[in-house]
């Protein structure tokens, strides 16, 4: 099918990587976005995202995450003028001893089984190596040197440049208001200015806006807000590598995770990967509710006493597109083979950027998924629970 026309709608990390990969496969690609690129409201547009292999006992995600990490190292060497992936390592610490079945224990077991070298940390080692932590509370866990963070907004901006350099027709400020399935299996894209655009393949990568454009998916994709905070520590060196790195703080029970002092601003970003709250992506306010600010202060007082009174210099409502099982949704539409939807990030997709384009392009071309049916078009029984191991519920 090489040489056919493709329209990609949405220029976050899903859309950009898909556009670049489809272009590399010989397609003529148009990439549309409703706003500027990077879009300020996109989940991808942020100062940092975690790169981790840790998926508990889930070997499929662990394998994909290992491949993605190698991709970040390659992108550092070949795509970025200066490194945007910072391999600081990561600490995953717990308030109780690690036990079989728990997130941190299963991480440690899986990492070891797959040939990595996580370092077990007892309370005295936590106190010595990572002194900003309250080692009277966090008494067990491990350090994984093969983890870190990416400067995500800069990654998106660089990938947009690469897309244009490789021949993708990048079209910002083109608002898509409808996708119409055609009788021949293709899809037509309707814009706010009244234009109808057609292509052999249409790939929709609009994150939390997906159930807005496709109301039939509202039952399986929910836009969820999550709190993000930037704190200004009095002493940034105390919160910089190697003494402070990417972390999960008993995350499967608390949801709290974060980053060392940012290389540009010196802020410490802390966020929650938990239940969140429903948000209307088109009209809902993008503010963090006061209750989450109170929760943050309680967490800091218990976990990082030196940050307990640090000023919050910025807060953000980050939107997830949640599926009930928290797996991605990357598949052709069952009623239109020429229409592919790639969404369902559920808050853990950005780390996979180096392989996302391939996953999405394979789906658009009708090739088998490396994840089997896990990312496919699917239905859910009542009470389906999320399976992303680090997420608090």
Protein backbone atom coordinates (compact mmCIF):
# COMPACT_ATOMS: atom_id res chain seq x y z
CA UNK A 1 0.00 0.00 0.00
CA UNK A 2 3.03 2.31 0.11
CA UNK A 3 2.48 5.63 -1.61
CA UNK A 4 -1.11 6.08 -0.48
CA UNK A 5 -2.29 9.13 1.39
CA UNK A 6 -2.62 9.20 5.18
CA UNK A 7 -4.20 11.77 7.48
CA UNK A 8 -3.14 11.71 11.13
CA UNK A 9 -5.40 13.73 13.43
CA UNK A 10 -3.66 14.86 16.62
CA UNK A 11 -0.01 15.73 17.16
CA UNK A 12 0.76 14.46 20.63
CA UNK A 13 3.21 11.64 21.14
CA UNK A 14 0.87 9.08 19.52
CA UNK A 15 0.28 11.20 16.42
CA UNK A 16 3.82 12.40 15.84
CA UNK A 17 5.41 8.98 16.15
CA UNK A 18 2.71 7.47 13.93
CA UNK A 19 3.18 10.17 11.28
CA UNK A 20 6.97 9.71 11.23
CA UNK A 21 6.71 5.92 11.02
CA UNK A 22 4.05 5.95 8.28
CA UNK A 23 6.12 8.47 6.31
CA UNK A 24 9.13 6.16 6.62
CA UNK A 25 6.99 3.34 5.20
CA UNK A 26 6.38 5.37 2.06
CA UNK A 27 3.06 7.05 2.76
CA UNK A 28 2.22 10.68 2.00
CA UNK A 29 1.23 11.92 5.45
CA UNK A 30 -0.71 14.97 6.56
CA UNK A 31 -0.61 15.66 10.31
CA UNK A 32 -3.43 17.87 11.64
CA UNK A 33 -3.84 19.48 15.04
CA UNK A 34 -6.50 21.80 16.42
CA UNK A 35 -3.93 24.16 17.90
CA UNK A 36 -0.21 24.89 17.85
CA UNK A 37 2.32 22.07 17.91
CA UNK A 38 3.15 21.20 20.68
CA UNK A 39 -0.43 21.83 21.85
CA UNK A 40 -0.38 23.41 25.33
CA UNK A 41 -3.31 21.25 26.55
CA UNK A 42 -1.93 17.93 25.30
CA UNK A 43 -0.83 15.44 27.94
CA UNK A 44 2.47 15.10 26.05
CA UNK A 45 3.30 18.78 26.52
CA UNK A 46 5.03 18.76 29.89
CA UNK A 47 8.50 19.17 31.31
CA UNK A 48 9.03 15.48 32.08
CA UNK A 49 7.69 11.95 31.84
CA UNK A 50 8.98 8.83 33.58
CA UNK A 51 10.81 6.12 31.66
CA UNK A 52 10.65 2.85 33.58
CA UNK A 53 10.63 -0.86 32.86
CA UNK A 54 8.60 -1.54 35.99
CA UNK A 55 5.24 -3.20 35.28
CA UNK A 56 4.98 -5.60 38.19
CA UNK A 57 4.53 -9.18 36.97
CA UNK A 58 3.39 -8.08 33.48
CA UNK A 59 6.09 -9.45 31.17
CA UNK A 60 4.50 -8.09 27.96
CA UNK A 61 4.79 -4.48 29.11
CA UNK A 62 8.22 -5.13 30.63
CA UNK A 63 9.47 -6.39 27.28
CA UNK A 64 8.01 -3.42 25.39
CA UNK A 65 9.39 -0.99 27.98
CA UNK A 66 12.88 -2.50 27.64
CA UNK A 67 12.72 -1.98 23.89
CA UNK A 68 11.48 1.58 24.36
CA UNK A 69 14.31 2.40 26.78
CA UNK A 70 16.83 1.25 24.16
CA UNK A 71 15.00 3.53 21.74
CA UNK A 72 15.41 6.52 24.05
CA UNK A 73 19.15 5.88 24.25
CA UNK A 74 19.27 5.69 20.45
CA UNK A 75 17.25 8.91 20.08
CA UNK A 76 19.68 10.65 22.45
CA UNK A 77 22.51 9.68 20.12
CA UNK A 78 20.82 10.24 16.78
CA UNK A 79 17.82 12.58 17.02
CA UNK A 80 18.33 15.09 19.81
CA UNK A 81 20.95 17.89 19.67
CA UNK A 82 21.54 17.24 23.37
CA UNK A 83 20.17 14.36 25.46
CA UNK A 84 16.48 14.62 26.37
CA UNK A 85 16.38 11.25 28.10
CA UNK A 86 18.15 11.45 31.47
CA UNK A 87 18.96 8.04 32.90
CA UNK A 88 19.09 9.03 36.55
CA UNK A 89 17.84 5.67 37.75
CA UNK A 90 14.71 5.35 39.86
CA UNK A 91 13.83 4.46 43.43
CA UNK A 92 10.68 2.52 44.22
CA UNK A 93 10.27 2.60 47.98
CA UNK A 94 7.65 1.23 50.33
CA UNK A 95 6.32 1.94 53.80
CA UNK A 96 6.12 -1.78 54.56
CA UNK A 97 8.47 -4.68 53.76
CA UNK A 98 8.18 -5.80 50.14
CA UNK A 99 6.02 -8.91 49.84
CA UNK A 100 5.20 -11.32 47.00
CA UNK A 101 2.34 -9.97 44.94
CA UNK A 102 3.12 -6.34 45.79
CA UNK A 103 4.09 -3.92 43.04
CA UNK A 104 7.64 -3.27 44.21
CA UNK A 105 8.35 -6.93 44.98
CA UNK A 106 7.10 -8.06 41.57
CA UNK A 107 9.10 -5.31 39.89
CA UNK A 108 12.25 -6.46 41.66
CA UNK A 109 11.57 -10.09 40.79
CA UNK A 110 10.85 -9.32 37.11
CA UNK A 111 13.85 -7.02 36.71
CA UNK A 112 16.15 -9.64 38.19
CA UNK A 113 14.68 -12.44 36.08
CA UNK A 114 15.15 -10.38 32.92
CA UNK A 115 18.82 -9.71 33.57
CA UNK A 116 18.73 -6.24 35.08
CA UNK A 117 20.49 -5.26 38.28
CA UNK A 118 18.10 -3.63 40.76
CA UNK A 119 19.66 -2.85 44.13
CA UNK A 120 17.64 -3.72 47.23
CA UNK A 121 17.50 -0.88 49.75
CA UNK A 122 16.89 -1.19 53.47
CA UNK A 123 16.03 1.81 55.63
CA UNK A 124 19.66 2.55 56.59
CA UNK A 125 20.69 2.50 52.91
CA UNK A 126 17.78 4.76 51.96
CA UNK A 127 18.86 7.20 54.67
CA UNK A 128 22.47 7.25 53.49
CA UNK A 129 21.99 7.30 49.71
CA UNK A 130 18.76 9.29 49.41
CA UNK A 131 18.74 11.60 52.44
CA UNK A 132 15.72 13.68 51.40
CA UNK A 133 13.50 10.65 52.04
CA UNK A 134 12.03 9.99 55.46
CA UNK A 135 13.63 6.61 56.11
CA UNK A 136 11.65 6.21 59.32
CA UNK A 137 8.56 5.80 57.13
CA UNK A 138 9.96 4.33 53.91
CA UNK A 139 11.80 1.25 55.05
CA UNK A 140 12.20 -1.00 52.00
CA UNK A 141 12.44 -0.90 48.21
CA UNK A 142 15.05 -0.83 45.50
CA UNK A 143 17.00 1.33 43.07
CA UNK A 144 16.96 0.55 39.35
CA UNK A 145 19.77 2.28 37.41
CA UNK A 146 18.01 1.60 34.07
CA UNK A 147 15.30 4.21 34.42
CA UNK A 148 14.92 7.97 34.32
CA UNK A 149 12.92 10.71 32.68
CA UNK A 150 12.49 12.48 29.36
CA UNK A 151 11.90 16.18 28.81
CA UNK A 152 8.60 15.44 27.13
CA UNK A 153 7.63 18.86 25.78
CA UNK A 154 11.04 19.21 24.14
CA UNK A 155 10.70 15.70 22.71
CA UNK A 156 7.36 16.61 21.11
CA UNK A 157 8.82 19.81 19.64
CA UNK A 158 11.82 17.94 18.23
CA UNK A 159 9.67 15.16 16.75
CA UNK A 160 7.51 17.81 15.05
CA UNK A 161 10.67 19.18 13.43
CA UNK A 162 11.74 15.70 12.39
CA UNK A 163 8.31 14.96 10.92
CA UNK A 164 8.50 18.08 8.77
CA UNK A 165 12.10 17.35 7.76
CA UNK A 166 11.11 13.85 6.64
CA UNK A 167 8.26 15.10 4.47
CA UNK A 168 5.20 14.99 6.71
CA UNK A 169 2.85 17.88 5.90
CA UNK A 170 2.42 19.33 9.40
CA UNK A 171 -0.78 21.39 9.66
CA UNK A 172 -1.38 23.17 12.99
CA UNK A 173 -4.60 25.05 13.78
CA UNK A 174 -6.85 22.71 11.80
CA UNK A 175 -9.73 21.73 14.05
CA UNK A 176 -11.40 18.43 13.19
CA UNK A 177 -15.06 18.29 14.20
CA UNK A 178 -16.09 14.95 12.72
CA UNK A 179 -14.94 11.68 11.19
CA UNK A 180 -17.38 10.11 8.73
CA UNK A 181 -17.02 6.44 7.83
CA UNK A 182 -17.42 5.80 4.10
CA UNK A 183 -19.00 2.82 2.36
CA UNK A 184 -15.68 1.69 0.90
CA UNK A 185 -14.09 1.33 4.34
CA UNK A 186 -12.26 4.65 4.30
CA UNK A 187 -13.05 7.72 6.39
CA UNK A 188 -13.57 11.41 5.66
CA UNK A 189 -12.28 14.12 7.97
CA UNK A 190 -14.51 17.16 8.50
CA UNK A 191 -12.89 20.41 9.66
CA UNK A 192 -14.34 23.39 11.48
CA UNK A 193 -13.83 25.53 8.39
CA UNK A 194 -16.18 23.31 6.38
CA UNK A 195 -13.61 21.30 4.48
CA UNK A 196 -13.85 17.55 3.94
CA UNK A 197 -10.51 15.76 3.68
CA UNK A 198 -10.15 12.21 2.45
CA UNK A 199 -7.35 9.68 2.47
CA UNK A 200 -6.78 5.97 2.08
CA UNK A 201 -5.93 5.78 5.78
CA UNK A 202 -7.05 8.04 8.63
CA UNK A 203 -5.36 7.66 12.02
CA UNK A 204 -6.95 9.47 14.98
CA UNK A 205 -4.64 10.18 17.91
CA UNK A 206 -6.43 12.80 20.03
CA UNK A 207 -6.12 11.34 23.52
CA UNK A 208 -8.82 12.43 25.95
CA UNK A 209 -10.76 14.06 23.10
CA UNK A 210 -11.38 10.62 21.52
CA UNK A 211 -14.81 9.98 23.10
CA UNK A 212 -15.81 13.54 22.13
CA UNK A 213 -15.19 12.84 18.44
CA UNK A 214 -16.43 9.25 18.75
CA UNK A 215 -19.39 9.22 21.18
CA UNK A 216 -19.75 5.46 20.66
CA UNK A 217 -16.49 5.08 22.60
CA UNK A 218 -17.64 7.10 25.61
CA UNK A 219 -18.37 3.88 27.47
CA UNK A 220 -14.83 2.57 27.08
CA UNK A 221 -12.73 5.75 27.24
CA UNK A 222 -12.97 8.30 30.04
CA UNK A 223 -11.11 11.62 30.24
CA UNK A 224 -9.63 11.74 33.73
CA UNK A 225 -7.75 14.62 35.35
CA UNK A 226 -4.62 14.02 37.44
CA UNK A 227 -2.77 16.56 39.60
CA UNK A 228 0.73 17.73 38.69
CA UNK A 229 2.75 20.07 40.91
CA UNK A 230 6.06 21.90 40.47
CA UNK A 231 7.77 22.76 43.74
CA UNK A 232 10.74 25.06 44.26
CA UNK A 233 13.07 23.51 46.86
CA UNK A 234 15.15 25.79 49.03
CA UNK A 235 18.20 23.65 48.24
CA UNK A 236 17.89 22.08 44.75
CA UNK A 237 21.12 20.12 45.23
CA UNK A 238 19.42 18.01 47.90
CA UNK A 239 16.89 17.01 45.24
CA UNK A 240 19.29 16.34 42.39
CA UNK A 241 20.94 13.10 41.19
CA UNK A 242 22.51 10.98 42.48
CA UNK A 243 20.97 11.79 45.87
CA UNK A 244 17.45 12.22 44.52
CA UNK A 245 16.15 10.52 41.37
CA UNK A 246 12.89 9.55 39.68
CA UNK A 247 10.75 7.87 42.30
CA UNK A 248 7.63 5.96 43.15
CA UNK A 249 6.55 6.40 46.76
CA UNK A 250 4.61 3.26 47.58
CA UNK A 251 2.94 4.26 44.33
CA UNK A 252 0.50 1.40 43.86
CA UNK A 253 -1.09 2.41 47.17
CA UNK A 254 -0.52 6.17 47.26
CA UNK A 255 -0.26 7.09 43.56
CA UNK A 256 2.59 9.53 44.26
CA UNK A 257 5.60 9.64 41.96
CA UNK A 258 8.03 12.32 40.88
CA UNK A 259 11.30 13.60 39.52
CA UNK A 260 14.59 15.13 40.61
CA UNK A 261 15.18 18.86 40.22
CA UNK A 262 14.66 19.74 36.58
CA UNK A 263 17.87 20.59 34.66
CA UNK A 264 16.39 23.88 33.39
CA UNK A 265 14.24 25.30 36.17
CA UNK A 266 15.35 23.41 39.26
CA UNK A 267 11.74 22.58 40.15
CA UNK A 268 10.80 19.22 41.61
CA UNK A 269 7.78 17.81 39.79
CA UNK A 270 5.47 15.56 41.80
CA UNK A 271 2.28 14.03 40.44
CA UNK A 272 -0.31 11.40 41.27
CA UNK A 273 -1.12 8.30 39.24
CA UNK A 274 -4.41 7.40 40.86
CA UNK A 275 -8.19 7.52 40.34
CA UNK A 276 -8.17 11.19 39.37
CA UNK A 277 -11.44 12.99 38.59
CA UNK A 278 -13.68 13.22 35.49
CA UNK A 279 -12.95 16.18 33.20
CA UNK A 280 -14.72 17.41 30.10
CA UNK A 281 -11.73 17.87 27.75
CA UNK A 282 -13.54 20.42 25.59
CA UNK A 283 -15.10 22.64 28.25
CA UNK A 284 -13.99 21.51 31.72
CA UNK A 285 -11.72 23.69 33.87
CA UNK A 286 -8.05 22.67 33.85
CA UNK A 287 -7.40 23.35 37.51
CA UNK A 288 -6.29 21.07 40.33
CA UNK A 289 -8.99 20.78 43.02
CA UNK A 290 -8.05 22.09 46.45
CA UNK A 291 -8.39 18.62 48.00
CA UNK A 292 -5.44 17.38 45.94
CA UNK A 293 -3.30 20.27 47.14
CA UNK A 294 -4.10 19.26 50.73
CA UNK A 295 -3.19 15.65 49.91
CA UNK A 296 0.11 16.82 48.43
CA UNK A 297 1.08 18.67 51.61
CA UNK A 298 0.27 15.63 53.74
CA UNK A 299 2.36 13.43 51.44
CA UNK A 300 5.32 15.82 51.54
CA UNK A 301 5.21 16.09 55.32
CA UNK A 302 5.40 12.32 55.62
CA UNK A 303 7.81 11.59 52.77
CA UNK A 304 10.06 14.60 52.05
CA UNK A 305 10.00 16.85 55.12
CA UNK A 306 12.30 19.40 53.47
CA UNK A 307 9.63 20.00 50.81
CA UNK A 308 6.72 20.25 53.24
CA UNK A 309 6.60 24.05 53.01
CA UNK A 310 8.20 24.48 49.58
CA UNK A 311 6.18 26.81 47.35
CA UNK A 312 4.15 25.31 44.51
CA UNK A 313 5.20 27.47 41.57
CA UNK A 314 2.95 25.73 39.05
CA UNK A 315 0.17 23.17 39.00
CA UNK A 316 -1.51 21.43 36.12
CA UNK A 317 -4.45 19.17 35.42
CA UNK A 318 -3.02 16.43 33.19
CA UNK A 319 -5.64 14.52 31.21
CA UNK A 320 -5.58 10.75 30.88
CA UNK A 321 -7.71 8.82 28.41
CA UNK A 322 -8.61 5.84 30.58
CA UNK A 323 -9.79 2.46 29.33
CA UNK A 324 -11.44 0.15 31.89
CA UNK A 325 -8.50 -2.27 31.81
CA UNK A 326 -5.92 0.56 31.42
CA UNK A 327 -4.42 -1.00 28.29
CA UNK A 328 -3.89 1.07 25.16
CA UNK A 329 -6.46 1.16 22.36
CA UNK A 330 -4.58 0.87 19.05
CA UNK A 331 -6.65 -0.74 16.33
CA UNK A 332 -8.65 -0.34 13.15
CA UNK A 333 -12.31 0.59 13.48
CA UNK A 334 -14.39 -2.58 12.99
CA UNK A 335 -16.70 -0.72 10.60
CA UNK A 336 -13.97 1.01 8.57
CA UNK A 337 -10.64 -0.68 7.85
CA UNK A 338 -9.21 2.64 6.71
CA UNK A 339 -9.82 4.28 10.10
CA UNK A 340 -7.46 3.57 13.01
CA UNK A 341 -7.83 4.91 16.52
CA UNK A 342 -4.80 5.10 18.80
CA UNK A 343 -5.72 6.24 22.30
CA UNK A 344 -6.30 4.88 25.78
CA UNK A 345 -2.99 6.07 27.21
CA UNK A 346 -4.33 5.60 30.76
CA UNK A 347 -1.40 7.69 31.99
CA UNK A 348 1.46 5.36 31.07
CA UNK A 349 2.13 5.75 27.35
CA UNK A 350 4.83 8.38 26.84
CA UNK A 351 7.69 6.11 27.88
CA UNK A 352 6.86 3.91 24.87
CA UNK A 353 7.35 6.75 22.35
CA UNK A 354 10.25 5.07 20.48
CA UNK A 355 8.02 2.09 19.63
CA UNK A 356 4.56 3.72 19.57
CA UNK A 357 4.83 4.75 15.93
CA UNK A 358 5.48 1.18 14.89
CA UNK A 359 2.56 -0.15 16.95
CA UNK A 360 0.19 2.40 15.43
CA UNK A 361 1.45 2.00 11.85
CA UNK A 362 1.16 -1.78 12.13
CA UNK A 363 -2.46 -1.40 13.24
CA UNK A 364 -3.22 1.01 10.38
CA UNK A 365 -1.77 -1.48 7.90
CA UNK A 366 -3.71 -4.38 9.42
CA UNK A 367 -0.62 -6.19 10.70
CA UNK A 368 -0.74 -8.36 13.85
CA UNK A 369 -0.08 -6.55 17.12
CA UNK A 370 2.96 -7.51 19.18
CA UNK A 371 0.65 -7.25 22.19
CA UNK A 372 -1.89 -9.69 20.78
CA UNK A 373 -5.45 -8.55 21.41
CA UNK A 374 -4.53 -6.54 24.46
CA UNK A 375 -4.53 -3.21 22.58
CA UNK A 376 -7.30 -4.20 20.18
CA UNK A 377 -10.90 -3.09 19.70
CA UNK A 378 -12.70 -4.76 22.56
CA UNK A 379 -15.67 -4.76 24.89
CA UNK A 380 -15.74 -5.00 28.67
CA UNK A 381 -17.87 -6.80 31.19
CA UNK A 382 -19.26 -4.84 34.10
CA UNK A 383 -16.72 -4.36 36.85
CA UNK A 384 -13.61 -4.68 34.67
CA UNK A 385 -10.70 -3.38 36.73
CA UNK A 386 -7.52 -1.59 35.69
CA UNK A 387 -4.39 -3.66 35.31
CA UNK A 388 -1.61 -1.04 35.18
CA UNK A 389 0.40 -2.27 38.13
CA UNK A 390 1.76 1.03 39.50
CA UNK A 391 -1.55 2.89 39.60
CA UNK A 392 -3.25 3.52 42.93
CA UNK A 393 -6.95 2.69 43.15
